[in-house]
């Protein structure tokens, strides 16, 4: 398999000076009615002029001689090459590609919508031009394939898989790194350099989004309740210890149970409690 060959052709300014001399000489012959001597110079001037080529910044020229790859020019400037060379321009500029939102299944089989942004540029002009049919179409297809593989490798979140260390919705750096490595491997054959890749859009598919939202809300409520109960138990424990230490009142086990029950209801309730004034004794 051939590889990219960078060549340094003849400076176009030297050839341009030679062409000016040839043209002036040809005009001199024509003005002095020496067409036989001037005509070959005009033909030579036209032939040599075809070899002049301009390479703009962040562009490259691919040179072919009757279908055979001869090299690439990647430095900007004015150059002269063999007039028989076929010259093809290819851009080396960095470009963005944002994939369409595609519906795929995550590791747990949940349908999700995902899209990515890819920043890339041509690194190897030979591979980009001759190893694949169209490197731009190749990038789109391979990026789509890499996204599908990535989505199937991780769960959307940790709710359905407590053993998962990485999820699509939380571990962005790890997920983007895995995506970039997957795309780089696929783009190597086309001579494409991946500058950056990251997830641009991520969400549950519409048919399950509402159910997943309710599940997340329920999990959040359970977690909040657990925290409230934990704090309430600590407060009740402190209250009983303080009452016992200050010897304010002596409570038997039954009274302690009633007090604990009342305090937990007050501390853990969703709504404000309504106080009840007891005008009798503790036993009434």
C-alpha atoms as a PDB file:
ATOM      1  CA  UNK A   1       0.000   0.000   0.000  1.00  0.00           C
ATOM      2  CA  UNK A   2       1.349   3.410  -0.947  1.00  0.00           C
ATOM      3  CA  UNK A   3       1.676   6.214   1.561  1.00  0.00           C
ATOM      4  CA  UNK A   4       1.595   9.965   1.247  1.00  0.00           C
ATOM      5  CA  UNK A   5       4.740  11.429  -0.344  1.00  0.00           C
ATOM      6  CA  UNK A   6       5.412  15.120   0.250  1.00  0.00           C
ATOM      7  CA  UNK A   7       7.436  16.723  -2.542  1.00  0.00           C
ATOM      8  CA  UNK A   8       9.062  20.134  -2.919  1.00  0.00           C
ATOM      9  CA  UNK A   9       8.648  21.225  -6.562  1.00  0.00           C
ATOM     10  CA  UNK A  10      10.488  23.934  -8.460  1.00  0.00           C
ATOM     11  CA  UNK A  11       9.745  27.481  -7.366  1.00  0.00           C
ATOM     12  CA  UNK A  12       7.151  29.002  -9.651  1.00  0.00           C
ATOM     13  CA  UNK A  13       8.802  32.424  -9.500  1.00  0.00           C
ATOM     14  CA  UNK A  14      11.918  31.153 -11.305  1.00  0.00           C
ATOM     15  CA  UNK A  15       9.810  29.562 -14.029  1.00  0.00           C
ATOM     16  CA  UNK A  16       7.675  32.702 -14.214  1.00  0.00           C
ATOM     17  CA  UNK A  17      10.816  34.748 -14.918  1.00  0.00           C
ATOM     18  CA  UNK A  18      11.853  32.288 -17.648  1.00  0.00           C
ATOM     19  CA  UNK A  19       8.369  32.499 -19.178  1.00  0.00           C
ATOM     20  CA  UNK A  20       8.595  36.290 -19.290  1.00  0.00           C
ATOM     21  CA  UNK A  21      11.926  36.067 -21.118  1.00  0.00           C
ATOM     22  CA  UNK A  22      10.475  33.560 -23.610  1.00  0.00           C
ATOM     23  CA  UNK A  23       7.424  35.746 -24.218  1.00  0.00           C
ATOM     24  CA  UNK A  24       9.494  38.888 -24.747  1.00  0.00           C
ATOM     25  CA  UNK A  25      11.794  37.017 -27.128  1.00  0.00           C
ATOM     26  CA  UNK A  26       8.811  35.671 -29.087  1.00  0.00           C
ATOM     27  CA  UNK A  27       7.321  39.138 -29.389  1.00  0.00           C
ATOM     28  CA  UNK A  28      10.648  40.461 -30.608  1.00  0.00           C
ATOM     29  CA  UNK A  29      10.728  37.875 -33.382  1.00  0.00           C
ATOM     30  CA  UNK A  30       7.138  38.628 -34.410  1.00  0.00           C
ATOM     31  CA  UNK A  31       7.801  42.359 -34.495  1.00  0.00           C
ATOM     32  CA  UNK A  32      10.779  41.733 -36.749  1.00  0.00           C
ATOM     33  CA  UNK A  33       8.716  39.486 -39.026  1.00  0.00           C
ATOM     34  CA  UNK A  34      10.477  36.295 -37.944  1.00  0.00           C
ATOM     35  CA  UNK A  35       7.368  34.199 -37.336  1.00  0.00           C
ATOM     36  CA  UNK A  36       9.218  30.943 -37.899  1.00  0.00           C
ATOM     37  CA  UNK A  37      11.401  31.617 -34.876  1.00  0.00           C
ATOM     38  CA  UNK A  38       8.648  33.160 -32.704  1.00  0.00           C
ATOM     39  CA  UNK A  39       5.969  30.467 -33.159  1.00  0.00           C
ATOM     40  CA  UNK A  40       7.919  27.672 -31.389  1.00  0.00           C
ATOM     41  CA  UNK A  41       8.564  30.024 -28.472  1.00  0.00           C
ATOM     42  CA  UNK A  42       4.837  30.720 -28.125  1.00  0.00           C
ATOM     43  CA  UNK A  43       4.162  26.967 -28.088  1.00  0.00           C
ATOM     44  CA  UNK A  44       6.891  26.484 -25.467  1.00  0.00           C
ATOM     45  CA  UNK A  45       5.470  29.358 -23.414  1.00  0.00           C
ATOM     46  CA  UNK A  46       1.977  27.834 -23.465  1.00  0.00           C
ATOM     47  CA  UNK A  47       3.257  24.366 -22.550  1.00  0.00           C
ATOM     48  CA  UNK A  48       5.394  25.528 -19.627  1.00  0.00           C
ATOM     49  CA  UNK A  49       2.591  27.760 -18.307  1.00  0.00           C
ATOM     50  CA  UNK A  50       0.404  24.723 -17.700  1.00  0.00           C
ATOM     51  CA  UNK A  51       2.854  23.537 -15.025  1.00  0.00           C
ATOM     52  CA  UNK A  52       2.361  26.623 -12.835  1.00  0.00           C
ATOM     53  CA  UNK A  53       0.208  25.926  -9.781  1.00  0.00           C
ATOM     54  CA  UNK A  54      -0.764  27.895  -6.694  1.00  0.00           C
ATOM     55  CA  UNK A  55      -1.202  26.208  -3.301  1.00  0.00           C
ATOM     56  CA  UNK A  56      -3.269  28.249  -0.842  1.00  0.00           C
ATOM     57  CA  UNK A  57      -2.749  28.103   2.956  1.00  0.00           C
ATOM     58  CA  UNK A  58      -4.165  24.926   4.566  1.00  0.00           C
ATOM     59  CA  UNK A  59      -4.614  23.308   1.168  1.00  0.00           C
ATOM     60  CA  UNK A  60      -2.697  20.613  -0.667  1.00  0.00           C
ATOM     61  CA  UNK A  61      -2.208  19.583  -4.273  1.00  0.00           C
ATOM     62  CA  UNK A  62      -2.268  15.914  -5.254  1.00  0.00           C
ATOM     63  CA  UNK A  63      -0.188  15.154  -8.359  1.00  0.00           C
ATOM     64  CA  UNK A  64      -0.983  12.295 -10.751  1.00  0.00           C
ATOM     65  CA  UNK A  65       0.883  11.332 -13.907  1.00  0.00           C
ATOM     66  CA  UNK A  66      -1.385   9.299 -16.186  1.00  0.00           C
ATOM     67  CA  UNK A  67      -3.139   7.806 -13.144  1.00  0.00           C
ATOM     68  CA  UNK A  68       0.032   7.176 -11.107  1.00  0.00           C
ATOM     69  CA  UNK A  69       0.419   8.974  -7.781  1.00  0.00           C
ATOM     70  CA  UNK A  70       3.567  11.112  -7.779  1.00  0.00           C
ATOM     71  CA  UNK A  71       3.252  13.070  -4.545  1.00  0.00           C
ATOM     72  CA  UNK A  72       1.530  15.901  -2.713  1.00  0.00           C
ATOM     73  CA  UNK A  73       2.374  19.556  -2.124  1.00  0.00           C
ATOM     74  CA  UNK A  74       1.244  20.818   1.287  1.00  0.00           C
ATOM     75  CA  UNK A  75       3.177  24.112   1.525  1.00  0.00           C
ATOM     76  CA  UNK A  76       1.506  27.235   0.212  1.00  0.00           C
ATOM     77  CA  UNK A  77       3.093  29.226  -2.578  1.00  0.00           C
ATOM     78  CA  UNK A  78       3.634  29.346  -6.336  1.00  0.00           C
ATOM     79  CA  UNK A  79       5.237  26.234  -7.827  1.00  0.00           C
ATOM     80  CA  UNK A  80       5.969  24.641 -11.173  1.00  0.00           C
ATOM     81  CA  UNK A  81       5.460  20.939 -11.842  1.00  0.00           C
ATOM     82  CA  UNK A  82       5.452  18.664 -14.842  1.00  0.00           C
ATOM     83  CA  UNK A  83       2.771  20.050 -17.225  1.00  0.00           C
ATOM     84  CA  UNK A  84       1.482  16.501 -17.717  1.00  0.00           C
ATOM     85  CA  UNK A  85       0.629  16.196 -14.029  1.00  0.00           C
ATOM     86  CA  UNK A  86      -3.030  16.206 -13.088  1.00  0.00           C
ATOM     87  CA  UNK A  87      -3.393  18.534 -10.096  1.00  0.00           C
ATOM     88  CA  UNK A  88      -6.209  18.017  -7.565  1.00  0.00           C
ATOM     89  CA  UNK A  89      -6.812  20.367  -4.642  1.00  0.00           C
ATOM     90  CA  UNK A  90      -7.747  19.005  -1.217  1.00  0.00           C
ATOM     91  CA  UNK A  91      -8.471  21.091   1.888  1.00  0.00           C
ATOM     92  CA  UNK A  92      -6.469  20.588   5.087  1.00  0.00           C
ATOM     93  CA  UNK A  93      -8.637  22.935   7.152  1.00  0.00           C
ATOM     94  CA  UNK A  94     -10.366  21.802  10.336  1.00  0.00           C
ATOM     95  CA  UNK A  95     -14.068  21.119   9.801  1.00  0.00           C
ATOM     96  CA  UNK A  96     -17.087  20.417  11.989  1.00  0.00           C
ATOM     97  CA  UNK A  97     -19.545  17.599  11.531  1.00  0.00           C
ATOM     98  CA  UNK A  98     -22.687  17.286  13.652  1.00  0.00           C
ATOM     99  CA  UNK A  99     -24.467  13.997  13.275  1.00  0.00           C
ATOM    100  CA  UNK A 100     -28.229  13.704  13.149  1.00  0.00           C
ATOM    101  CA  UNK A 101     -30.110  12.583  16.237  1.00  0.00           C
ATOM    102  CA  UNK A 102     -30.386   8.826  15.993  1.00  0.00           C
ATOM    103  CA  UNK A 103     -32.453   6.436  18.096  1.00  0.00           C
ATOM    104  CA  UNK A 104     -30.389   3.627  19.600  1.00  0.00           C
ATOM    105  CA  UNK A 105     -30.596   1.299  22.599  1.00  0.00           C
ATOM    106  CA  UNK A 106     -28.293   1.774  25.560  1.00  0.00           C
ATOM    107  CA  UNK A 107     -26.631  -1.086  27.429  1.00  0.00           C
ATOM    108  CA  UNK A 108     -29.887  -1.893  29.251  1.00  0.00           C
ATOM    109  CA  UNK A 109     -31.973  -1.809  26.075  1.00  0.00           C
ATOM    110  CA  UNK A 110     -33.625   1.555  26.743  1.00  0.00           C
ATOM    111  CA  UNK A 111     -34.227   3.599  23.560  1.00  0.00           C
ATOM    112  CA  UNK A 112     -32.363   6.916  23.616  1.00  0.00           C
ATOM    113  CA  UNK A 113     -31.729   9.806  21.227  1.00  0.00           C
ATOM    114  CA  UNK A 114     -28.094  10.801  20.741  1.00  0.00           C
ATOM    115  CA  UNK A 115     -25.982  12.955  18.434  1.00  0.00           C
ATOM    116  CA  UNK A 116     -22.323  13.955  18.405  1.00  0.00           C
ATOM    117  CA  UNK A 117     -20.102  16.787  17.176  1.00  0.00           C
ATOM    118  CA  UNK A 118     -16.875  15.847  15.427  1.00  0.00           C
ATOM    119  CA  UNK A 119     -13.991  18.220  14.634  1.00  0.00           C
ATOM    120  CA  UNK A 120     -11.684  16.748  11.993  1.00  0.00           C
ATOM    121  CA  UNK A 121      -9.273  17.483   9.187  1.00  0.00           C
ATOM    122  CA  UNK A 122      -7.397  15.623   6.472  1.00  0.00           C
ATOM    123  CA  UNK A 123      -4.038  14.345   7.709  1.00  0.00           C
ATOM    124  CA  UNK A 124      -2.946  11.984   4.906  1.00  0.00           C
ATOM    125  CA  UNK A 125      -3.892  13.227   1.441  1.00  0.00           C
ATOM    126  CA  UNK A 126      -3.136   9.884  -0.232  1.00  0.00           C
ATOM    127  CA  UNK A 127      -5.413   7.848   2.042  1.00  0.00           C
ATOM    128  CA  UNK A 128      -8.191  10.451   1.891  1.00  0.00           C
ATOM    129  CA  UNK A 129      -8.146  10.500  -1.890  1.00  0.00           C
ATOM    130  CA  UNK A 130      -7.448   6.886  -2.832  1.00  0.00           C
ATOM    131  CA  UNK A 131      -8.136   4.550   0.126  1.00  0.00           C
ATOM    132  CA  UNK A 132     -11.845   5.471   0.373  1.00  0.00           C
ATOM    133  CA  UNK A 133     -14.372   6.460  -2.258  1.00  0.00           C
ATOM    134  CA  UNK A 134     -15.521   9.693  -0.574  1.00  0.00           C
ATOM    135  CA  UNK A 135     -13.915  10.571   2.738  1.00  0.00           C
ATOM    136  CA  UNK A 136     -16.738  12.948   3.730  1.00  0.00           C
ATOM    137  CA  UNK A 137     -19.376  10.216   3.294  1.00  0.00           C
ATOM    138  CA  UNK A 138     -17.015   7.793   5.029  1.00  0.00           C
ATOM    139  CA  UNK A 139     -16.828  10.115   8.056  1.00  0.00           C
ATOM    140  CA  UNK A 140     -20.620  10.344   8.325  1.00  0.00           C
ATOM    141  CA  UNK A 141     -21.190   6.591   8.148  1.00  0.00           C
ATOM    142  CA  UNK A 142     -18.357   5.647  10.497  1.00  0.00           C
ATOM    143  CA  UNK A 143     -19.317   8.308  13.042  1.00  0.00           C
ATOM    144  CA  UNK A 144     -22.872   6.979  13.061  1.00  0.00           C
ATOM    145  CA  UNK A 145     -21.542   3.450  13.574  1.00  0.00           C
ATOM    146  CA  UNK A 146     -19.243   4.555  16.409  1.00  0.00           C
ATOM    147  CA  UNK A 147     -22.117   6.346  18.168  1.00  0.00           C
ATOM    148  CA  UNK A 148     -24.291   3.239  18.006  1.00  0.00           C
ATOM    149  CA  UNK A 149     -21.512   1.113  19.463  1.00  0.00           C
ATOM    150  CA  UNK A 150     -20.849   3.661  22.219  1.00  0.00           C
ATOM    151  CA  UNK A 151     -24.519   3.859  23.211  1.00  0.00           C
ATOM    152  CA  UNK A 152     -24.710   0.070  23.465  1.00  0.00           C
ATOM    153  CA  UNK A 153     -21.645  -0.065  25.707  1.00  0.00           C
ATOM    154  CA  UNK A 154     -22.929   2.099  28.581  1.00  0.00           C
ATOM    155  CA  UNK A 155     -26.263   2.598  30.374  1.00  0.00           C
ATOM    156  CA  UNK A 156     -27.988   5.953  30.128  1.00  0.00           C
ATOM    157  CA  UNK A 157     -27.797   6.402  33.903  1.00  0.00           C
ATOM    158  CA  UNK A 158     -27.119   4.446  37.098  1.00  0.00           C
ATOM    159  CA  UNK A 159     -30.756   3.846  38.031  1.00  0.00           C
ATOM    160  CA  UNK A 160     -31.062   0.560  36.195  1.00  0.00           C
ATOM    161  CA  UNK A 161     -27.502  -0.680  36.667  1.00  0.00           C
ATOM    162  CA  UNK A 162     -25.996   0.016  40.084  1.00  0.00           C
ATOM    163  CA  UNK A 163     -22.812  -1.871  39.175  1.00  0.00           C
ATOM    164  CA  UNK A 164     -22.007   0.428  36.228  1.00  0.00           C
ATOM    165  CA  UNK A 165     -19.079   2.759  36.865  1.00  0.00           C
ATOM    166  CA  UNK A 166     -19.685   4.877  33.749  1.00  0.00           C
ATOM    167  CA  UNK A 167     -22.985   6.130  32.376  1.00  0.00           C
ATOM    168  CA  UNK A 168     -23.786   8.261  29.338  1.00  0.00           C
ATOM    169  CA  UNK A 169     -25.557  11.016  31.269  1.00  0.00           C
ATOM    170  CA  UNK A 170     -23.050  11.561  34.088  1.00  0.00           C
ATOM    171  CA  UNK A 171     -19.510  10.576  33.080  1.00  0.00           C
ATOM    172  CA  UNK A 172     -19.110  12.946  30.133  1.00  0.00           C
ATOM    173  CA  UNK A 173     -15.298  12.984  30.094  1.00  0.00           C
ATOM    174  CA  UNK A 174     -15.000   9.197  30.120  1.00  0.00           C
ATOM    175  CA  UNK A 175     -17.745   8.772  27.520  1.00  0.00           C
ATOM    176  CA  UNK A 176     -16.269  11.412  25.190  1.00  0.00           C
ATOM    177  CA  UNK A 177     -12.838   9.813  25.536  1.00  0.00           C
ATOM    178  CA  UNK A 178     -14.243   6.396  24.632  1.00  0.00           C
ATOM    179  CA  UNK A 179     -16.084   7.943  21.666  1.00  0.00           C
ATOM    180  CA  UNK A 180     -12.943   9.693  20.435  1.00  0.00           C
ATOM    181  CA  UNK A 181     -10.860   6.516  20.638  1.00  0.00           C
ATOM    182  CA  UNK A 182     -13.508   4.585  18.719  1.00  0.00           C
ATOM    183  CA  UNK A 183     -13.732   7.205  15.956  1.00  0.00           C
ATOM    184  CA  UNK A 184      -9.942   7.626  15.672  1.00  0.00           C
ATOM    185  CA  UNK A 185      -9.574   3.901  15.052  1.00  0.00           C
ATOM    186  CA  UNK A 186     -12.196   3.988  12.309  1.00  0.00           C
ATOM    187  CA  UNK A 187     -10.810   7.138  10.626  1.00  0.00           C
ATOM    188  CA  UNK A 188      -7.246   5.837  10.341  1.00  0.00           C
ATOM    189  CA  UNK A 189      -7.948   4.090   7.034  1.00  0.00           C
ATOM    190  CA  UNK A 190      -9.130   7.372   5.488  1.00  0.00           C
ATOM    191  CA  UNK A 191      -6.202   9.468   6.744  1.00  0.00           C
ATOM    192  CA  UNK A 192      -8.478  11.663   8.884  1.00  0.00           C
ATOM    193  CA  UNK A 193      -7.239  13.309  12.081  1.00  0.00           C
ATOM    194  CA  UNK A 194      -9.865  13.590  14.824  1.00  0.00           C
ATOM    195  CA  UNK A 195      -9.274  16.832  16.719  1.00  0.00           C
ATOM    196  CA  UNK A 196     -12.253  16.554  19.077  1.00  0.00           C
ATOM    197  CA  UNK A 197     -15.413  14.528  19.485  1.00  0.00           C
ATOM    198  CA  UNK A 198     -18.145  14.956  22.074  1.00  0.00           C
ATOM    199  CA  UNK A 199     -21.799  14.192  22.664  1.00  0.00           C
ATOM    200  CA  UNK A 200     -23.984  17.087  21.524  1.00  0.00           C
ATOM    201  CA  UNK A 201     -27.438  15.742  22.456  1.00  0.00           C
ATOM    202  CA  UNK A 202     -28.564  12.972  24.784  1.00  0.00           C
ATOM    203  CA  UNK A 203     -32.086  12.142  25.960  1.00  0.00           C
ATOM    204  CA  UNK A 204     -34.484   9.268  26.411  1.00  0.00           C
ATOM    205  CA  UNK A 205     -36.672   8.518  23.406  1.00  0.00           C
ATOM    206  CA  UNK A 206     -40.098  10.227  23.591  1.00  0.00           C
ATOM    207  CA  UNK A 207     -42.011   6.973  24.169  1.00  0.00           C
ATOM    208  CA  UNK A 208     -40.256   6.299  27.495  1.00  0.00           C
ATOM    209  CA  UNK A 209     -39.144   9.796  28.517  1.00  0.00           C
ATOM    210  CA  UNK A 210     -42.180  10.406  30.776  1.00  0.00           C
ATOM    211  CA  UNK A 211     -41.843   7.069  32.550  1.00  0.00           C
ATOM    212  CA  UNK A 212     -38.125   7.560  33.092  1.00  0.00           C
ATOM    213  CA  UNK A 213     -38.761  11.036  34.466  1.00  0.00           C
ATOM    214  CA  UNK A 214     -41.234   9.639  36.980  1.00  0.00           C
ATOM    215  CA  UNK A 215     -38.719   6.978  37.971  1.00  0.00           C
ATOM    216  CA  UNK A 216     -36.049   9.590  38.544  1.00  0.00           C
ATOM    217  CA  UNK A 217     -38.457  11.716  40.567  1.00  0.00           C
ATOM    218  CA  UNK A 218     -39.412   8.708  42.686  1.00  0.00           C
ATOM    219  CA  UNK A 219     -35.754   7.896  43.310  1.00  0.00           C
ATOM    220  CA  UNK A 220     -35.098  11.491  44.306  1.00  0.00           C
ATOM    221  CA  UNK A 221     -38.059  11.467  46.701  1.00  0.00           C
ATOM    222  CA  UNK A 222     -36.897   8.213  48.296  1.00  0.00           C
ATOM    223  CA  UNK A 223     -33.393   9.600  48.736  1.00  0.00           C
ATOM    224  CA  UNK A 224     -34.769  12.803  50.290  1.00  0.00           C
ATOM    225  CA  UNK A 225     -37.050  10.836  52.626  1.00  0.00           C
ATOM    226  CA  UNK A 226     -34.132   8.668  53.705  1.00  0.00           C
ATOM    227  CA  UNK A 227     -32.130  11.779  54.561  1.00  0.00           C
ATOM    228  CA  UNK A 228     -35.055  13.307  56.471  1.00  0.00           C
ATOM    229  CA  UNK A 229     -35.662  10.151  58.506  1.00  0.00           C
ATOM    230  CA  UNK A 230     -31.964   9.844  59.272  1.00  0.00           C
ATOM    231  CA  UNK A 231     -31.877  13.411  60.577  1.00  0.00           C
ATOM    232  CA  UNK A 232     -35.123  12.991  62.522  1.00  0.00           C
ATOM    233  CA  UNK A 233     -33.848   9.892  64.313  1.00  0.00           C
ATOM    234  CA  UNK A 234     -30.723  11.785  65.319  1.00  0.00           C
ATOM    235  CA  UNK A 235     -32.787  14.665  66.647  1.00  0.00           C
ATOM    236  CA  UNK A 236     -35.044  12.319  68.669  1.00  0.00           C
ATOM    237  CA  UNK A 237     -32.017  10.544  70.075  1.00  0.00           C
ATOM    238  CA  UNK A 238     -30.494  13.878  71.117  1.00  0.00           C
ATOM    239  CA  UNK A 239     -33.785  15.022  72.681  1.00  0.00           C
ATOM    240  CA  UNK A 240     -34.134  11.864  74.786  1.00  0.00           C
ATOM    241  CA  UNK A 241     -30.496  12.006  75.869  1.00  0.00           C
ATOM    242  CA  UNK A 242     -30.832  15.683  76.843  1.00  0.00           C
ATOM    243  CA  UNK A 243     -34.038  15.069  78.835  1.00  0.00           C
ATOM    244  CA  UNK A 244     -32.381  12.231  80.687  1.00  0.00           C
ATOM    245  CA  UNK A 245     -29.219  14.227  81.344  1.00  0.00           C
ATOM    246  CA  UNK A 246     -31.073  17.295  82.662  1.00  0.00           C
ATOM    247  CA  UNK A 247     -33.416  15.062  84.693  1.00  0.00           C
ATOM    248  CA  UNK A 248     -36.317  17.176  83.503  1.00  0.00           C
ATOM    249  CA  UNK A 249     -38.674  14.229  83.332  1.00  0.00           C
ATOM    250  CA  UNK A 250     -38.459  10.499  83.856  1.00  0.00           C
ATOM    251  CA  UNK A 251     -39.982   8.474  81.064  1.00  0.00           C
ATOM    252  CA  UNK A 252     -40.670   4.771  81.009  1.00  0.00           C
ATOM    253  CA  UNK A 253     -40.394   2.722  77.828  1.00  0.00           C
ATOM    254  CA  UNK A 254     -44.021   3.240  76.852  1.00  0.00           C
ATOM    255  CA  UNK A 255     -43.777   7.028  77.226  1.00  0.00           C
ATOM    256  CA  UNK A 256     -40.505   7.062  75.298  1.00  0.00           C
ATOM    257  CA  UNK A 257     -42.163   5.151  72.472  1.00  0.00           C
ATOM    258  CA  UNK A 258     -45.052   7.612  72.371  1.00  0.00           C
ATOM    259  CA  UNK A 259     -42.682  10.568  72.387  1.00  0.00           C
ATOM    260  CA  UNK A 260     -40.538   9.085  69.650  1.00  0.00           C
ATOM    261  CA  UNK A 261     -43.645   8.433  67.560  1.00  0.00           C
ATOM    262  CA  UNK A 262     -44.901  11.995  67.967  1.00  0.00           C
ATOM    263  CA  UNK A 263     -41.504  13.555  67.202  1.00  0.00           C
ATOM    264  CA  UNK A 264     -41.035  11.448  64.057  1.00  0.00           C
ATOM    265  CA  UNK A 265     -44.495  12.418  62.821  1.00  0.00           C
ATOM    266  CA  UNK A 266     -43.686  16.103  63.359  1.00  0.00           C
ATOM    267  CA  UNK A 267     -40.210  15.970  61.838  1.00  0.00           C
ATOM    268  CA  UNK A 268     -40.971  13.693  58.879  1.00  0.00           C
ATOM    269  CA  UNK A 269     -44.398  14.959  57.866  1.00  0.00           C
ATOM    270  CA  UNK A 270     -45.023  16.765  54.588  1.00  0.00           C
ATOM    271  CA  UNK A 271     -47.431  19.259  56.113  1.00  0.00           C
ATOM    272  CA  UNK A 272     -47.408  21.428  59.213  1.00  0.00           C
ATOM    273  CA  UNK A 273     -48.679  19.591  62.278  1.00  0.00           C
ATOM    274  CA  UNK A 274     -51.656  20.789  64.322  1.00  0.00           C
ATOM    275  CA  UNK A 275     -50.760  20.936  68.042  1.00  0.00           C
ATOM    276  CA  UNK A 276     -53.107  19.339  70.578  1.00  0.00           C
ATOM    277  CA  UNK A 277     -53.088  20.868  74.064  1.00  0.00           C
ATOM    278  CA  UNK A 278     -53.356  18.267  76.792  1.00  0.00           C
ATOM    279  CA  UNK A 279     -55.004  19.796  79.881  1.00  0.00           C
ATOM    280  CA  UNK A 280     -54.858  16.619  81.862  1.00  0.00           C
ATOM    281  CA  UNK A 281     -51.987  14.381  82.900  1.00  0.00           C
ATOM    282  CA  UNK A 282     -49.590  12.479  80.706  1.00  0.00           C
ATOM    283  CA  UNK A 283     -51.760   9.388  81.094  1.00  0.00           C
ATOM    284  CA  UNK A 284     -54.863  11.086  79.657  1.00  0.00           C
END
